[in-house]
Amino acid sequence: PGAGMRQEVILALLGCEGELIGTREDSDVFQVDPHFPHLTAAERQAINKVVVLGTAVRAITAFLEVDGDPVPTVENPHNGLYWRALKRGLEEHLDEYKDFI
């Protein structure tokens, strides 16, 4: 795969869809466009195994975007000290991961 595919893989690993790697209508999992003809079956399989991490990054990012108040309630349990600590810890690890990529 060429430089364009490498850029697509990096974008996918960061949770972003590109022109060649994204999700299909029937799945939230990142994968290479099945109609992209310039990969062998082995290359396609290897890339799909790697870019599935981008699916997790996207889900964690969406989780972190949920707002909460400092005091938990029955209606909105996503609040409070533990919630904020969990979010902060995930943000730190996600930032480390993104810096690595």
N, C-alpha and C. Protein backbone atom coordinates (compact mmCIF):
# COMPACT_ATOMS: atom_id res chain seq x y z
N PRO A 1 0.82 -1.20 0.00
CA PRO A 1 0.00 0.00 0.00
C PRO A 1 0.86 1.26 0.00
N GLY A 2 0.39 2.27 -0.68
CA GLY A 2 1.17 3.49 -0.81
C GLY A 2 0.95 4.47 0.31
N ALA A 3 1.50 5.68 0.11
CA ALA A 3 1.44 6.73 1.13
C ALA A 3 0.00 7.11 1.44
N GLY A 4 -0.85 7.13 0.43
CA GLY A 4 -2.26 7.48 0.65
C GLY A 4 -2.94 6.50 1.59
N MET A 5 -2.63 5.22 1.44
CA MET A 5 -3.22 4.22 2.32
C MET A 5 -2.68 4.36 3.73
N ARG A 6 -1.39 4.68 3.87
CA ARG A 6 -0.83 4.89 5.20
C ARG A 6 -1.54 6.04 5.91
N GLN A 7 -1.80 7.12 5.18
CA GLN A 7 -2.52 8.26 5.76
C GLN A 7 -3.93 7.85 6.19
N GLU A 8 -4.57 7.04 5.37
CA GLU A 8 -5.91 6.55 5.70
C GLU A 8 -5.89 5.71 6.97
N VAL A 9 -4.89 4.86 7.11
CA VAL A 9 -4.77 4.01 8.30
C VAL A 9 -4.55 4.88 9.53
N ILE A 10 -3.70 5.89 9.43
CA ILE A 10 -3.45 6.79 10.56
C ILE A 10 -4.73 7.52 10.95
N LEU A 11 -5.47 8.03 9.97
CA LEU A 11 -6.74 8.69 10.27
C LEU A 11 -7.69 7.73 10.98
N ALA A 12 -7.78 6.51 10.47
CA ALA A 12 -8.68 5.53 11.08
C ALA A 12 -8.26 5.21 12.51
N LEU A 13 -6.96 5.10 12.75
CA LEU A 13 -6.48 4.82 14.10
C LEU A 13 -6.81 5.95 15.06
N LEU A 14 -7.02 7.14 14.53
CA LEU A 14 -7.40 8.29 15.36
C LEU A 14 -8.92 8.44 15.46
N GLY A 15 -9.66 7.49 14.86
CA GLY A 15 -11.12 7.51 14.95
C GLY A 15 -11.81 8.31 13.87
N CYS A 16 -11.09 8.64 12.79
CA CYS A 16 -11.66 9.45 11.71
C CYS A 16 -11.82 8.61 10.45
N GLU A 17 -12.93 8.78 9.77
CA GLU A 17 -13.13 8.09 8.51
C GLU A 17 -12.42 8.84 7.40
N GLY A 18 -11.99 8.11 6.40
CA GLY A 18 -11.35 8.70 5.24
C GLY A 18 -12.08 8.28 3.98
N GLU A 19 -11.42 8.42 2.85
CA GLU A 19 -12.03 8.03 1.59
C GLU A 19 -11.99 6.52 1.38
N LEU A 20 -10.97 5.86 1.89
CA LEU A 20 -10.80 4.43 1.67
C LEU A 20 -11.11 3.57 2.88
N ILE A 21 -11.07 4.16 4.06
CA ILE A 21 -11.34 3.42 5.30
C ILE A 21 -12.45 4.14 6.06
N GLY A 22 -13.47 3.40 6.40
CA GLY A 22 -14.58 3.97 7.14
C GLY A 22 -15.51 2.87 7.60
N THR A 23 -16.71 3.27 7.97
CA THR A 23 -17.71 2.30 8.41
C THR A 23 -18.71 2.09 7.28
N ARG A 24 -19.32 0.92 7.31
CA ARG A 24 -20.38 0.64 6.35
C ARG A 24 -21.72 0.91 7.02
N GLU A 25 -22.77 0.96 6.24
CA GLU A 25 -24.10 1.24 6.79
C GLU A 25 -24.54 0.19 7.80
N ASP A 26 -24.11 -1.04 7.62
CA ASP A 26 -24.55 -2.14 8.48
C ASP A 26 -23.59 -2.43 9.63
N SER A 27 -22.55 -1.60 9.80
CA SER A 27 -21.55 -1.86 10.83
C SER A 27 -20.89 -0.57 11.27
N ASP A 28 -20.53 -0.49 12.57
CA ASP A 28 -19.81 0.67 13.09
C ASP A 28 -18.30 0.45 13.08
N VAL A 29 -17.86 -0.69 12.60
CA VAL A 29 -16.44 -1.06 12.64
C VAL A 29 -15.72 -0.51 11.41
N PHE A 30 -14.57 0.12 11.64
CA PHE A 30 -13.77 0.63 10.53
C PHE A 30 -13.24 -0.53 9.69
N GLN A 31 -13.23 -0.31 8.39
CA GLN A 31 -12.66 -1.29 7.48
C GLN A 31 -12.38 -0.62 6.13
N VAL A 32 -11.53 -1.28 5.36
CA VAL A 32 -11.20 -0.79 4.03
C VAL A 32 -12.43 -0.94 3.14
N ASP A 33 -12.64 0.05 2.29
CA ASP A 33 -13.74 -0.02 1.33
C ASP A 33 -13.62 -1.33 0.55
N PRO A 34 -14.64 -2.18 0.59
CA PRO A 34 -14.55 -3.47 -0.09
C PRO A 34 -14.41 -3.35 -1.61
N HIS A 35 -14.71 -2.18 -2.15
CA HIS A 35 -14.61 -1.98 -3.60
C HIS A 35 -13.27 -1.39 -4.02
N PHE A 36 -12.37 -1.15 -3.06
CA PHE A 36 -11.04 -0.62 -3.38
C PHE A 36 -10.20 -1.76 -3.94
N PRO A 37 -9.78 -1.67 -5.22
CA PRO A 37 -9.18 -2.83 -5.90
C PRO A 37 -7.66 -2.99 -5.74
N HIS A 38 -6.98 -2.05 -5.12
CA HIS A 38 -5.52 -2.06 -5.16
C HIS A 38 -4.85 -2.75 -3.97
N LEU A 39 -5.55 -3.66 -3.32
CA LEU A 39 -4.99 -4.40 -2.20
C LEU A 39 -5.18 -5.90 -2.42
N THR A 40 -4.24 -6.65 -1.95
CA THR A 40 -4.42 -8.10 -1.96
C THR A 40 -5.36 -8.45 -0.80
N ALA A 41 -5.87 -9.64 -0.81
CA ALA A 41 -6.75 -10.08 0.28
C ALA A 41 -6.00 -10.04 1.62
N ALA A 42 -4.73 -10.42 1.61
CA ALA A 42 -3.94 -10.42 2.84
C ALA A 42 -3.71 -9.00 3.35
N GLU A 43 -3.44 -8.04 2.45
CA GLU A 43 -3.26 -6.65 2.86
C GLU A 43 -4.55 -6.09 3.44
N ARG A 44 -5.66 -6.37 2.78
CA ARG A 44 -6.96 -5.89 3.24
C ARG A 44 -7.27 -6.45 4.64
N GLN A 45 -7.01 -7.74 4.82
CA GLN A 45 -7.27 -8.37 6.11
C GLN A 45 -6.39 -7.77 7.22
N ALA A 46 -5.12 -7.56 6.91
CA ALA A 46 -4.20 -6.98 7.90
C ALA A 46 -4.61 -5.56 8.28
N ILE A 47 -4.95 -4.76 7.29
CA ILE A 47 -5.36 -3.37 7.56
C ILE A 47 -6.65 -3.36 8.37
N ASN A 48 -7.60 -4.20 8.01
CA ASN A 48 -8.87 -4.25 8.75
C ASN A 48 -8.66 -4.65 10.21
N LYS A 49 -7.69 -5.53 10.47
CA LYS A 49 -7.41 -5.92 11.85
C LYS A 49 -6.84 -4.76 12.65
N VAL A 50 -6.06 -3.92 12.00
CA VAL A 50 -5.43 -2.79 12.69
C VAL A 50 -6.42 -1.65 12.92
N VAL A 51 -7.18 -1.30 11.90
CA VAL A 51 -8.03 -0.10 11.99
C VAL A 51 -9.25 -0.30 12.87
N VAL A 52 -9.49 -1.52 13.32
CA VAL A 52 -10.59 -1.73 14.26
C VAL A 52 -10.34 -0.94 15.55
N LEU A 53 -9.08 -0.62 15.85
CA LEU A 53 -8.77 0.22 17.00
C LEU A 53 -9.44 1.59 16.89
N GLY A 54 -9.56 2.09 15.67
CA GLY A 54 -10.20 3.38 15.46
C GLY A 54 -11.66 3.37 15.88
N THR A 55 -12.29 2.21 15.78
CA THR A 55 -13.67 2.07 16.23
C THR A 55 -13.74 2.31 17.73
N ALA A 56 -12.79 1.75 18.47
CA ALA A 56 -12.75 1.93 19.92
C ALA A 56 -12.44 3.38 20.27
N VAL A 57 -11.52 4.00 19.54
CA VAL A 57 -11.18 5.41 19.79
C VAL A 57 -12.41 6.28 19.59
N ARG A 58 -13.15 6.01 18.54
CA ARG A 58 -14.37 6.79 18.28
C ARG A 58 -15.39 6.61 19.41
N ALA A 59 -15.56 5.39 19.88
CA ALA A 59 -16.53 5.12 20.96
C ALA A 59 -16.09 5.79 22.27
N ILE A 60 -14.81 5.72 22.58
CA ILE A 60 -14.30 6.34 23.81
C ILE A 60 -14.44 7.86 23.72
N THR A 61 -14.14 8.41 22.57
CA THR A 61 -14.27 9.86 22.37
C THR A 61 -15.72 10.29 22.56
N ALA A 62 -16.66 9.53 22.01
CA ALA A 62 -18.09 9.86 22.18
C ALA A 62 -18.48 9.77 23.65
N PHE A 63 -17.98 8.77 24.35
CA PHE A 63 -18.24 8.61 25.78
C PHE A 63 -17.74 9.82 26.55
N LEU A 64 -16.56 10.30 26.20
CA LEU A 64 -15.96 11.43 26.90
C LEU A 64 -16.69 12.75 26.63
N GLU A 65 -17.44 12.80 25.55
CA GLU A 65 -18.15 14.03 25.21
C GLU A 65 -19.46 14.20 25.96
N VAL A 66 -19.87 13.17 26.73
CA VAL A 66 -21.08 13.27 27.53
C VAL A 66 -20.81 14.25 28.67
N ASP A 67 -21.65 15.28 28.77
CA ASP A 67 -21.48 16.28 29.82
C ASP A 67 -22.15 15.80 31.10
N GLY A 68 -21.64 16.26 32.21
CA GLY A 68 -22.23 15.92 33.49
C GLY A 68 -22.06 17.05 34.49
N ASP A 69 -22.93 17.05 35.47
CA ASP A 69 -22.86 18.02 36.56
C ASP A 69 -22.05 17.40 37.70
N PRO A 70 -21.61 18.22 38.66
CA PRO A 70 -20.80 17.69 39.76
C PRO A 70 -21.56 16.73 40.68
N VAL A 71 -22.88 16.78 40.68
CA VAL A 71 -23.65 15.94 41.59
C VAL A 71 -24.49 14.95 40.78
N PRO A 72 -24.33 13.63 41.03
CA PRO A 72 -25.13 12.65 40.29
C PRO A 72 -26.58 12.66 40.74
N THR A 73 -27.46 12.38 39.79
CA THR A 73 -28.88 12.25 40.09
C THR A 73 -29.37 10.94 39.51
N VAL A 74 -30.59 10.54 39.88
CA VAL A 74 -31.16 9.31 39.33
C VAL A 74 -31.33 9.46 37.82
N GLU A 75 -31.74 10.65 37.39
CA GLU A 75 -31.96 10.88 35.96
C GLU A 75 -30.65 10.93 35.18
N ASN A 76 -29.60 11.42 35.82
CA ASN A 76 -28.31 11.56 35.13
C ASN A 76 -27.20 11.08 36.05
N PRO A 77 -26.92 9.76 36.04
CA PRO A 77 -25.88 9.23 36.92
C PRO A 77 -24.47 9.54 36.44
N HIS A 78 -24.33 10.14 35.28
CA HIS A 78 -23.01 10.44 34.71
C HIS A 78 -22.45 11.73 35.28
N ASN A 79 -22.44 11.80 36.57
CA ASN A 79 -21.95 12.99 37.25
C ASN A 79 -21.13 12.55 38.44
N GLY A 80 -20.60 13.50 39.13
CA GLY A 80 -19.92 13.21 40.38
C GLY A 80 -18.43 13.00 40.22
N LEU A 81 -17.80 12.83 41.36
CA LEU A 81 -16.35 12.73 41.44
C LEU A 81 -15.81 11.52 40.68
N TYR A 82 -16.41 10.37 40.88
CA TYR A 82 -15.91 9.16 40.22
C TYR A 82 -16.05 9.26 38.70
N TRP A 83 -17.15 9.82 38.27
CA TRP A 83 -17.38 9.99 36.83
C TRP A 83 -16.31 10.90 36.23
N ARG A 84 -16.05 12.01 36.91
CA ARG A 84 -15.04 12.94 36.40
C ARG A 84 -13.64 12.33 36.43
N ALA A 85 -13.35 11.55 37.47
CA ALA A 85 -12.03 10.88 37.55
C ALA A 85 -11.88 9.86 36.43
N LEU A 86 -12.94 9.10 36.16
CA LEU A 86 -12.89 8.13 35.07
C LEU A 86 -12.67 8.83 33.74
N LYS A 87 -13.42 9.89 33.51
CA LYS A 87 -13.27 10.63 32.26
C LYS A 87 -11.85 11.20 32.13
N ARG A 88 -11.33 11.75 33.21
CA ARG A 88 -9.99 12.34 33.16
C ARG A 88 -8.94 11.28 32.86
N GLY A 89 -9.06 10.13 33.50
CA GLY A 89 -8.12 9.04 33.24
C GLY A 89 -8.18 8.56 31.80
N LEU A 90 -9.39 8.41 31.28
CA LEU A 90 -9.54 8.00 29.88
C LEU A 90 -8.98 9.05 28.94
N GLU A 91 -9.23 10.32 29.24
CA GLU A 91 -8.70 11.40 28.40
C GLU A 91 -7.17 11.36 28.36
N GLU A 92 -6.55 11.12 29.51
CA GLU A 92 -5.09 11.06 29.56
C GLU A 92 -4.56 9.91 28.71
N HIS A 93 -5.17 8.75 28.83
CA HIS A 93 -4.72 7.59 28.05
C HIS A 93 -4.99 7.79 26.56
N LEU A 94 -6.13 8.38 26.25
CA LEU A 94 -6.45 8.63 24.84
C LEU A 94 -5.48 9.65 24.24
N ASP A 95 -5.13 10.67 25.00
CA ASP A 95 -4.15 11.66 24.53
C ASP A 95 -2.80 11.01 24.29
N GLU A 96 -2.39 10.13 25.20
CA GLU A 96 -1.13 9.40 25.03
C GLU A 96 -1.15 8.56 23.76
N TYR A 97 -2.25 7.87 23.55
CA TYR A 97 -2.42 7.03 22.36
C TYR A 97 -2.33 7.89 21.10
N LYS A 98 -3.03 9.02 21.09
CA LYS A 98 -3.02 9.89 19.91
C LYS A 98 -1.63 10.46 19.66
N ASP A 99 -0.91 10.81 20.73
CA ASP A 99 0.46 11.29 20.55
C ASP A 99 1.35 10.20 19.95
N PHE A 100 1.14 8.97 20.37
CA PHE A 100 1.91 7.83 19.84
C PHE A 100 1.65 7.65 18.35
N ILE A 101 0.38 7.73 17.97
CA ILE A 101 -0.01 7.56 16.55
C ILE A 101 0.58 8.72 15.76
